[in-house]
Amino acid sequence: DNGVWNGFDISGHCFLLSYCALMIVEEVAVLE
């Protein structure tokens, strides 16, 4: 209805980007 929702919006970007970056860095450690 073209409204604006005002709620507590935990940052999904901060969660997912941090988790993905940390996971990749862990997995490429196999090259060591």
ModelCIF file with pLDDT and N, C-alpha, C, O atoms, coordinates in Angstrom:
data_MODEL
#
_entry.id   MODEL 
#
_entity.id                         1 
_entity.type                       polymer 
_entity.pdbx_number_of_molecules   1 
#
_entity_poly.entity_id                      1 
_entity_poly.type                           'polypeptide(L)' 
_entity_poly.nstd_linkage                   no 
_entity_poly.nstd_monomer                   no 
_entity_poly.pdbx_seq_one_letter_code       DNGVWNGFDISGHCFLLSYCALMIVEEVAVLE 
_entity_poly.pdbx_seq_one_letter_code_can   DNGVWNGFDISGHCFLLSYCALMIVEEVAVLE 
_entity_poly.pdbx_strand_id                 A 
#
loop_
_entity_poly_seq.entity_id 
_entity_poly_seq.num 
_entity_poly_seq.mon_id 
_entity_poly_seq.hetero 
1 1  ASP n 
1 2  ASN n 
1 3  GLY n 
1 4  VAL n 
1 5  TRP n 
1 6  ASN n 
1 7  GLY n 
1 8  PHE n 
1 9  ASP n 
1 10 ILE n 
1 11 SER n 
1 12 GLY n 
1 13 HIS n 
1 14 CYS n 
1 15 PHE n 
1 16 LEU n 
1 17 LEU n 
1 18 SER n 
1 19 TYR n 
1 20 CYS n 
1 21 ALA n 
1 22 LEU n 
1 23 MET n 
1 24 ILE n 
1 25 VAL n 
1 26 GLU n 
1 27 GLU n 
1 28 VAL n 
1 29 ALA n 
1 30 VAL n 
1 31 LEU n 
1 32 GLU n 
#
_struct_asym.id          A 
_struct_asym.entity_id   1 
#
loop_
_ma_qa_metric.id 
_ma_qa_metric.mode 
_ma_qa_metric.name 
_ma_qa_metric.software_group_id 
_ma_qa_metric.type 
1 global pLDDT . pLDDT 
2 local  pLDDT . pLDDT 
#
_ma_qa_metric_global.metric_id      1 
_ma_qa_metric_global.metric_value   90.28 
_ma_qa_metric_global.model_id       1 
_ma_qa_metric_global.ordinal_id     1 
#
loop_
_ma_qa_metric_local.label_asym_id 
_ma_qa_metric_local.label_comp_id 
_ma_qa_metric_local.label_seq_id 
_ma_qa_metric_local.metric_id 
_ma_qa_metric_local.metric_value 
_ma_qa_metric_local.model_id 
_ma_qa_metric_local.ordinal_id 
A ASP 1  2 76.00 1 1  
A ASN 2  2 78.00 1 2  
A GLY 3  2 81.00 1 3  
A VAL 4  2 83.00 1 4  
A TRP 5  2 85.00 1 5  
A ASN 6  2 85.00 1 6  
A GLY 7  2 84.00 1 7  
A PHE 8  2 90.00 1 8  
A ASP 9  2 89.00 1 9  
A ILE 10 2 92.00 1 10 
A SER 11 2 94.00 1 11 
A GLY 12 2 94.00 1 12 
A HIS 13 2 95.00 1 13 
A CYS 14 2 96.00 1 14 
A PHE 15 2 97.00 1 15 
A LEU 16 2 97.00 1 16 
A LEU 17 2 97.00 1 17 
A SER 18 2 97.00 1 18 
A TYR 19 2 97.00 1 19 
A CYS 20 2 97.00 1 20 
A ALA 21 2 96.00 1 21 
A LEU 22 2 96.00 1 22 
A MET 23 2 96.00 1 23 
A ILE 24 2 95.00 1 24 
A VAL 25 2 93.00 1 25 
A GLU 26 2 92.00 1 26 
A GLU 27 2 93.00 1 27 
A VAL 28 2 91.00 1 28 
A ALA 29 2 86.00 1 29 
A VAL 30 2 86.00 1 30 
A LEU 31 2 84.00 1 31 
A GLU 32 2 77.00 1 32 
#
loop_
_atom_site.group_PDB 
_atom_site.id 
_atom_site.type_symbol 
_atom_site.label_atom_id 
_atom_site.label_alt_id 
_atom_site.label_comp_id 
_atom_site.label_asym_id 
_atom_site.label_entity_id 
_atom_site.label_seq_id 
_atom_site.pdbx_PDB_ins_code 
_atom_site.Cartn_x 
_atom_site.Cartn_y 
_atom_site.Cartn_z 
_atom_site.occupancy 
_atom_site.B_iso_or_equiv 
_atom_site.pdbx_formal_charge 
_atom_site.auth_seq_id 
_atom_site.auth_comp_id 
_atom_site.auth_asym_id 
_atom_site.auth_atom_id 
_atom_site.pdbx_PDB_model_num 
ATOM 1   N N  . ASP A 1 1  ? 0.830  -1.220  0.000  1.00 76.00 ? 1  ASP A N  1 
ATOM 2   C CA . ASP A 1 1  ? 0.000  0.000   0.000  1.00 76.00 ? 1  ASP A CA 1 
ATOM 3   C C  . ASP A 1 1  ? 0.855  1.257   0.000  1.00 76.00 ? 1  ASP A C  1 
ATOM 4   O O  . ASP A 1 1  ? 0.400  2.334   0.384  1.00 76.00 ? 1  ASP A O  1 
ATOM 5   N N  . ASN A 1 2  ? 2.119  1.103   -0.442 1.00 78.00 ? 2  ASN A N  1 
ATOM 6   C CA . ASN A 1 2  ? 3.056  2.228   -0.526 1.00 78.00 ? 2  ASN A CA 1 
ATOM 7   C C  . ASN A 1 2  ? 3.304  2.904   0.820  1.00 78.00 ? 2  ASN A C  1 
ATOM 8   O O  . ASN A 1 2  ? 3.520  4.114   0.895  1.00 78.00 ? 2  ASN A O  1 
ATOM 9   N N  . GLY A 1 3  ? 3.267  2.106   1.868  1.00 81.00 ? 3  GLY A N  1 
ATOM 10  C CA . GLY A 1 3  ? 3.539  2.639   3.193  1.00 81.00 ? 3  GLY A CA 1 
ATOM 11  C C  . GLY A 1 3  ? 4.999  2.468   3.583  1.00 81.00 ? 3  GLY A C  1 
ATOM 12  O O  . GLY A 1 3  ? 5.789  1.853   2.867  1.00 81.00 ? 3  GLY A O  1 
ATOM 13  N N  . VAL A 1 4  ? 5.333  3.032   4.742  1.00 83.00 ? 4  VAL A N  1 
ATOM 14  C CA . VAL A 1 4  ? 6.689  2.918   5.297  1.00 83.00 ? 4  VAL A CA 1 
ATOM 15  C C  . VAL A 1 4  ? 6.593  2.144   6.602  1.00 83.00 ? 4  VAL A C  1 
ATOM 16  O O  . VAL A 1 4  ? 5.868  2.537   7.515  1.00 83.00 ? 4  VAL A O  1 
ATOM 17  N N  . TRP A 1 5  ? 7.323  1.050   6.684  1.00 85.00 ? 5  TRP A N  1 
ATOM 18  C CA . TRP A 1 5  ? 7.301  0.199   7.873  1.00 85.00 ? 5  TRP A CA 1 
ATOM 19  C C  . TRP A 1 5  ? 8.405  0.618   8.837  1.00 85.00 ? 5  TRP A C  1 
ATOM 20  O O  . TRP A 1 5  ? 9.579  0.644   8.470  1.00 85.00 ? 5  TRP A O  1 
ATOM 21  N N  . ASN A 1 6  ? 8.030  0.943   10.053 1.00 85.00 ? 6  ASN A N  1 
ATOM 22  C CA . ASN A 1 6  ? 8.985  1.369   11.068 1.00 85.00 ? 6  ASN A CA 1 
ATOM 23  C C  . ASN A 1 6  ? 9.103  0.289   12.135 1.00 85.00 ? 6  ASN A C  1 
ATOM 24  O O  . ASN A 1 6  ? 8.253  0.181   13.019 1.00 85.00 ? 6  ASN A O  1 
ATOM 25  N N  . GLY A 1 7  ? 10.166 -0.508  12.045 1.00 84.00 ? 7  GLY A N  1 
ATOM 26  C CA . GLY A 1 7  ? 10.415 -1.569  13.013 1.00 84.00 ? 7  GLY A CA 1 
ATOM 27  C C  . GLY A 1 7  ? 11.898 -1.672  13.304 1.00 84.00 ? 7  GLY A C  1 
ATOM 28  O O  . GLY A 1 7  ? 12.704 -0.947  12.722 1.00 84.00 ? 7  GLY A O  1 
ATOM 29  N N  . PHE A 1 8  ? 12.253 -2.565  14.198 1.00 90.00 ? 8  PHE A N  1 
ATOM 30  C CA . PHE A 1 8  ? 13.668 -2.768  14.527 1.00 90.00 ? 8  PHE A CA 1 
ATOM 31  C C  . PHE A 1 8  ? 14.271 -3.674  13.472 1.00 90.00 ? 8  PHE A C  1 
ATOM 32  O O  . PHE A 1 8  ? 14.090 -4.892  13.503 1.00 90.00 ? 8  PHE A O  1 
ATOM 33  N N  . ASP A 1 9  ? 14.987 -3.070  12.540 1.00 89.00 ? 9  ASP A N  1 
ATOM 34  C CA . ASP A 1 9  ? 15.506 -3.755  11.357 1.00 89.00 ? 9  ASP A CA 1 
ATOM 35  C C  . ASP A 1 9  ? 16.975 -4.125  11.572 1.00 89.00 ? 9  ASP A C  1 
ATOM 36  O O  . ASP A 1 9  ? 17.868 -3.352  11.224 1.00 89.00 ? 9  ASP A O  1 
ATOM 37  N N  . ILE A 1 10 ? 17.224 -5.304  12.144 1.00 92.00 ? 10 ILE A N  1 
ATOM 38  C CA . ILE A 1 10 ? 18.597 -5.771  12.314 1.00 92.00 ? 10 ILE A CA 1 
ATOM 39  C C  . ILE A 1 10 ? 19.251 -5.855  10.943 1.00 92.00 ? 10 ILE A C  1 
ATOM 40  O O  . ILE A 1 10 ? 18.662 -6.401  10.010 1.00 92.00 ? 10 ILE A O  1 
ATOM 41  N N  . SER A 1 11 ? 20.445 -5.327  10.812 1.00 94.00 ? 11 SER A N  1 
ATOM 42  C CA . SER A 1 11 ? 21.090 -5.234  9.510  1.00 94.00 ? 11 SER A CA 1 
ATOM 43  C C  . SER A 1 11 ? 21.456 -6.613  8.969  1.00 94.00 ? 11 SER A C  1 
ATOM 44  O O  . SER A 1 11 ? 22.428 -7.232  9.400  1.00 94.00 ? 11 SER A O  1 
ATOM 45  N N  . GLY A 1 12 ? 20.652 -7.075  8.015  1.00 94.00 ? 12 GLY A N  1 
ATOM 46  C CA . GLY A 1 12 ? 20.954 -8.340  7.362  1.00 94.00 ? 12 GLY A CA 1 
ATOM 47  C C  . GLY A 1 12 ? 22.234 -8.262  6.555  1.00 94.00 ? 12 GLY A C  1 
ATOM 48  O O  . GLY A 1 12 ? 22.950 -9.256  6.427  1.00 94.00 ? 12 GLY A O  1 
ATOM 49  N N  . HIS A 1 13 ? 22.534 -7.074  6.000  1.00 95.00 ? 13 HIS A N  1 
ATOM 50  C CA . HIS A 1 13 ? 23.771 -6.900  5.252  1.00 95.00 ? 13 HIS A CA 1 
ATOM 51  C C  . HIS A 1 13 ? 24.987 -7.051  6.159  1.00 95.00 ? 13 HIS A C  1 
ATOM 52  O O  . HIS A 1 13 ? 25.941 -7.743  5.805  1.00 95.00 ? 13 HIS A O  1 
ATOM 53  N N  . CYS A 1 14 ? 24.959 -6.409  7.325  1.00 96.00 ? 14 CYS A N  1 
ATOM 54  C CA . CYS A 1 14 ? 26.091 -6.523  8.250  1.00 96.00 ? 14 CYS A CA 1 
ATOM 55  C C  . CYS A 1 14 ? 26.278 -7.970  8.695  1.00 96.00 ? 14 CYS A C  1 
ATOM 56  O O  . CYS A 1 14 ? 27.408 -8.447  8.801  1.00 96.00 ? 14 CYS A O  1 
ATOM 57  N N  . PHE A 1 15 ? 25.191 -8.658  8.951  1.00 97.00 ? 15 PHE A N  1 
ATOM 58  C CA . PHE A 1 15 ? 25.277 -10.071 9.335  1.00 97.00 ? 15 PHE A CA 1 
ATOM 59  C C  . PHE A 1 15 ? 25.867 -10.916 8.217  1.00 97.00 ? 15 PHE A C  1 
ATOM 60  O O  . PHE A 1 15 ? 26.861 -11.615 8.416  1.00 97.00 ? 15 PHE A O  1 
ATOM 61  N N  . LEU A 1 16 ? 25.250 -10.849 7.036  1.00 97.00 ? 16 LEU A N  1 
ATOM 62  C CA . LEU A 1 16 ? 25.615 -11.772 5.960  1.00 97.00 ? 16 LEU A CA 1 
ATOM 63  C C  . LEU A 1 16 ? 26.989 -11.460 5.385  1.00 97.00 ? 16 LEU A C  1 
ATOM 64  O O  . LEU A 1 16 ? 27.765 -12.377 5.115  1.00 97.00 ? 16 LEU A O  1 
ATOM 65  N N  . LEU A 1 17 ? 27.303 -10.177 5.193  1.00 97.00 ? 17 LEU A N  1 
ATOM 66  C CA . LEU A 1 17 ? 28.598 -9.827  4.614  1.00 97.00 ? 17 LEU A CA 1 
ATOM 67  C C  . LEU A 1 17 ? 29.741 -10.193 5.547  1.00 97.00 ? 17 LEU A C  1 
ATOM 68  O O  . LEU A 1 17 ? 30.791 -10.655 5.099  1.00 97.00 ? 17 LEU A O  1 
ATOM 69  N N  . SER A 1 18 ? 29.540 -9.988  6.844  1.00 97.00 ? 18 SER A N  1 
ATOM 70  C CA . SER A 1 18 ? 30.595 -10.370 7.797  1.00 97.00 ? 18 SER A CA 1 
ATOM 71  C C  . SER A 1 18 ? 30.752 -11.889 7.831  1.00 97.00 ? 18 SER A C  1 
ATOM 72  O O  . SER A 1 18 ? 31.874 -12.395 7.824  1.00 97.00 ? 18 SER A O  1 
ATOM 73  N N  . TYR A 1 19 ? 29.646 -12.614 7.868  1.00 97.00 ? 19 TYR A N  1 
ATOM 74  C CA . TYR A 1 19 ? 29.720 -14.076 7.927  1.00 97.00 ? 19 TYR A CA 1 
ATOM 75  C C  . TYR A 1 19 ? 30.346 -14.653 6.660  1.00 97.00 ? 19 TYR A C  1 
ATOM 76  O O  . TYR A 1 19 ? 31.178 -15.556 6.739  1.00 97.00 ? 19 TYR A O  1 
ATOM 77  N N  . CYS A 1 20 ? 29.954 -14.140 5.490  1.00 97.00 ? 20 CYS A N  1 
ATOM 78  C CA . CYS A 1 20 ? 30.499 -14.638 4.228  1.00 97.00 ? 20 CYS A CA 1 
ATOM 79  C C  . CYS A 1 20 ? 31.999 -14.355 4.139  1.00 97.00 ? 20 CYS A C  1 
ATOM 80  O O  . CYS A 1 20 ? 32.767 -15.232 3.744  1.00 97.00 ? 20 CYS A O  1 
ATOM 81  N N  . ALA A 1 21 ? 32.420 -13.149 4.499  1.00 96.00 ? 21 ALA A N  1 
ATOM 82  C CA . ALA A 1 21 ? 33.842 -12.804 4.428  1.00 96.00 ? 21 ALA A CA 1 
ATOM 83  C C  . ALA A 1 21 ? 34.665 -13.686 5.358  1.00 96.00 ? 21 ALA A C  1 
ATOM 84  O O  . ALA A 1 21 ? 35.724 -14.180 4.970  1.00 96.00 ? 21 ALA A O  1 
ATOM 85  N N  . LEU A 1 22 ? 34.189 -13.887 6.577  1.00 96.00 ? 22 LEU A N  1 
ATOM 86  C CA . LEU A 1 22 ? 34.916 -14.712 7.542  1.00 96.00 ? 22 LEU A CA 1 
ATOM 87  C C  . LEU A 1 22 ? 34.957 -16.171 7.102  1.00 96.00 ? 22 LEU A C  1 
ATOM 88  O O  . LEU A 1 22 ? 35.967 -16.849 7.291  1.00 96.00 ? 22 LEU A O  1 
ATOM 89  N N  . MET A 1 23 ? 33.873 -16.652 6.522  1.00 96.00 ? 23 MET A N  1 
ATOM 90  C CA . MET A 1 23 ? 33.831 -18.042 6.058  1.00 96.00 ? 23 MET A CA 1 
ATOM 91  C C  . MET A 1 23 ? 34.808 -18.265 4.905  1.00 96.00 ? 23 MET A C  1 
ATOM 92  O O  . MET A 1 23 ? 35.513 -19.273 4.876  1.00 96.00 ? 23 MET A O  1 
ATOM 93  N N  . ILE A 1 24 ? 34.854 -17.333 3.961  1.00 95.00 ? 24 ILE A N  1 
ATOM 94  C CA . ILE A 1 24 ? 35.775 -17.476 2.832  1.00 95.00 ? 24 ILE A CA 1 
ATOM 95  C C  . ILE A 1 24 ? 37.219 -17.488 3.313  1.00 95.00 ? 24 ILE A C  1 
ATOM 96  O O  . ILE A 1 24 ? 38.015 -18.318 2.874  1.00 95.00 ? 24 ILE A O  1 
ATOM 97  N N  . VAL A 1 25 ? 37.562 -16.566 4.217  1.00 93.00 ? 25 VAL A N  1 
ATOM 98  C CA . VAL A 1 25 ? 38.931 -16.489 4.724  1.00 93.00 ? 25 VAL A CA 1 
ATOM 99  C C  . VAL A 1 25 ? 39.319 -17.781 5.446  1.00 93.00 ? 25 VAL A C  1 
ATOM 100 O O  . VAL A 1 25 ? 40.466 -18.222 5.366  1.00 93.00 ? 25 VAL A O  1 
ATOM 101 N N  . GLU A 1 26 ? 38.360 -18.385 6.151  1.00 92.00 ? 26 GLU A N  1 
ATOM 102 C CA . GLU A 1 26 ? 38.644 -19.667 6.807  1.00 92.00 ? 26 GLU A CA 1 
ATOM 103 C C  . GLU A 1 26 ? 38.880 -20.774 5.781  1.00 92.00 ? 26 GLU A C  1 
ATOM 104 O O  . GLU A 1 26 ? 39.802 -21.575 5.933  1.00 92.00 ? 26 GLU A O  1 
ATOM 105 N N  . GLU A 1 27 ? 38.060 -20.819 4.750  1.00 93.00 ? 27 GLU A N  1 
ATOM 106 C CA . GLU A 1 27 ? 38.139 -21.922 3.790  1.00 93.00 ? 27 GLU A CA 1 
ATOM 107 C C  . GLU A 1 27 ? 39.390 -21.842 2.911  1.00 93.00 ? 27 GLU A C  1 
ATOM 108 O O  . GLU A 1 27 ? 39.954 -22.879 2.563  1.00 93.00 ? 27 GLU A O  1 
ATOM 109 N N  . VAL A 1 28 ? 39.834 -20.644 2.548  1.00 91.00 ? 28 VAL A N  1 
ATOM 110 C CA . VAL A 1 28 ? 41.030 -20.558 1.706  1.00 91.00 ? 28 VAL A CA 1 
ATOM 111 C C  . VAL A 1 28 ? 42.286 -20.860 2.504  1.00 91.00 ? 28 VAL A C  1 
ATOM 112 O O  . VAL A 1 28 ? 43.373 -20.939 1.931  1.00 91.00 ? 28 VAL A O  1 
ATOM 113 N N  . ALA A 1 29 ? 42.160 -21.032 3.835  1.00 86.00 ? 29 ALA A N  1 
ATOM 114 C CA . ALA A 1 29 ? 43.315 -21.398 4.655  1.00 86.00 ? 29 ALA A CA 1 
ATOM 115 C C  . ALA A 1 29 ? 43.885 -22.742 4.268  1.00 86.00 ? 29 ALA A C  1 
ATOM 116 O O  . ALA A 1 29 ? 45.024 -23.049 4.622  1.00 86.00 ? 29 ALA A O  1 
ATOM 117 N N  . VAL A 1 30 ? 43.123 -23.557 3.547  1.00 86.00 ? 30 VAL A N  1 
ATOM 118 C CA . VAL A 1 30 ? 43.621 -24.865 3.125  1.00 86.00 ? 30 VAL A CA 1 
ATOM 119 C C  . VAL A 1 30 ? 44.870 -24.728 2.258  1.00 86.00 ? 30 VAL A C  1 
ATOM 120 O O  . VAL A 1 30 ? 45.680 -25.653 2.192  1.00 86.00 ? 30 VAL A O  1 
ATOM 121 N N  . LEU A 1 31 ? 45.034 -23.591 1.595  1.00 84.00 ? 31 LEU A N  1 
ATOM 122 C CA . LEU A 1 31 ? 46.200 -23.389 0.735  1.00 84.00 ? 31 LEU A CA 1 
ATOM 123 C C  . LEU A 1 31 ? 47.497 -23.324 1.530  1.00 84.00 ? 31 LEU A C  1 
ATOM 124 O O  . LEU A 1 31 ? 48.578 -23.516 0.974  1.00 84.00 ? 31 LEU A O  1 
ATOM 125 N N  . GLU A 1 32 ? 47.391 -23.051 2.839  1.00 77.00 ? 32 GLU A N  1 
ATOM 126 C CA . GLU A 1 32 ? 48.594 -22.983 3.667  1.00 77.00 ? 32 GLU A CA 1 
ATOM 127 C C  . GLU A 1 32 ? 49.217 -24.357 3.867  1.00 77.00 ? 32 GLU A C  1 
ATOM 128 O O  . GLU A 1 32 ? 50.239 -24.479 4.542  1.00 77.00 ? 32 GLU A O  1 
#
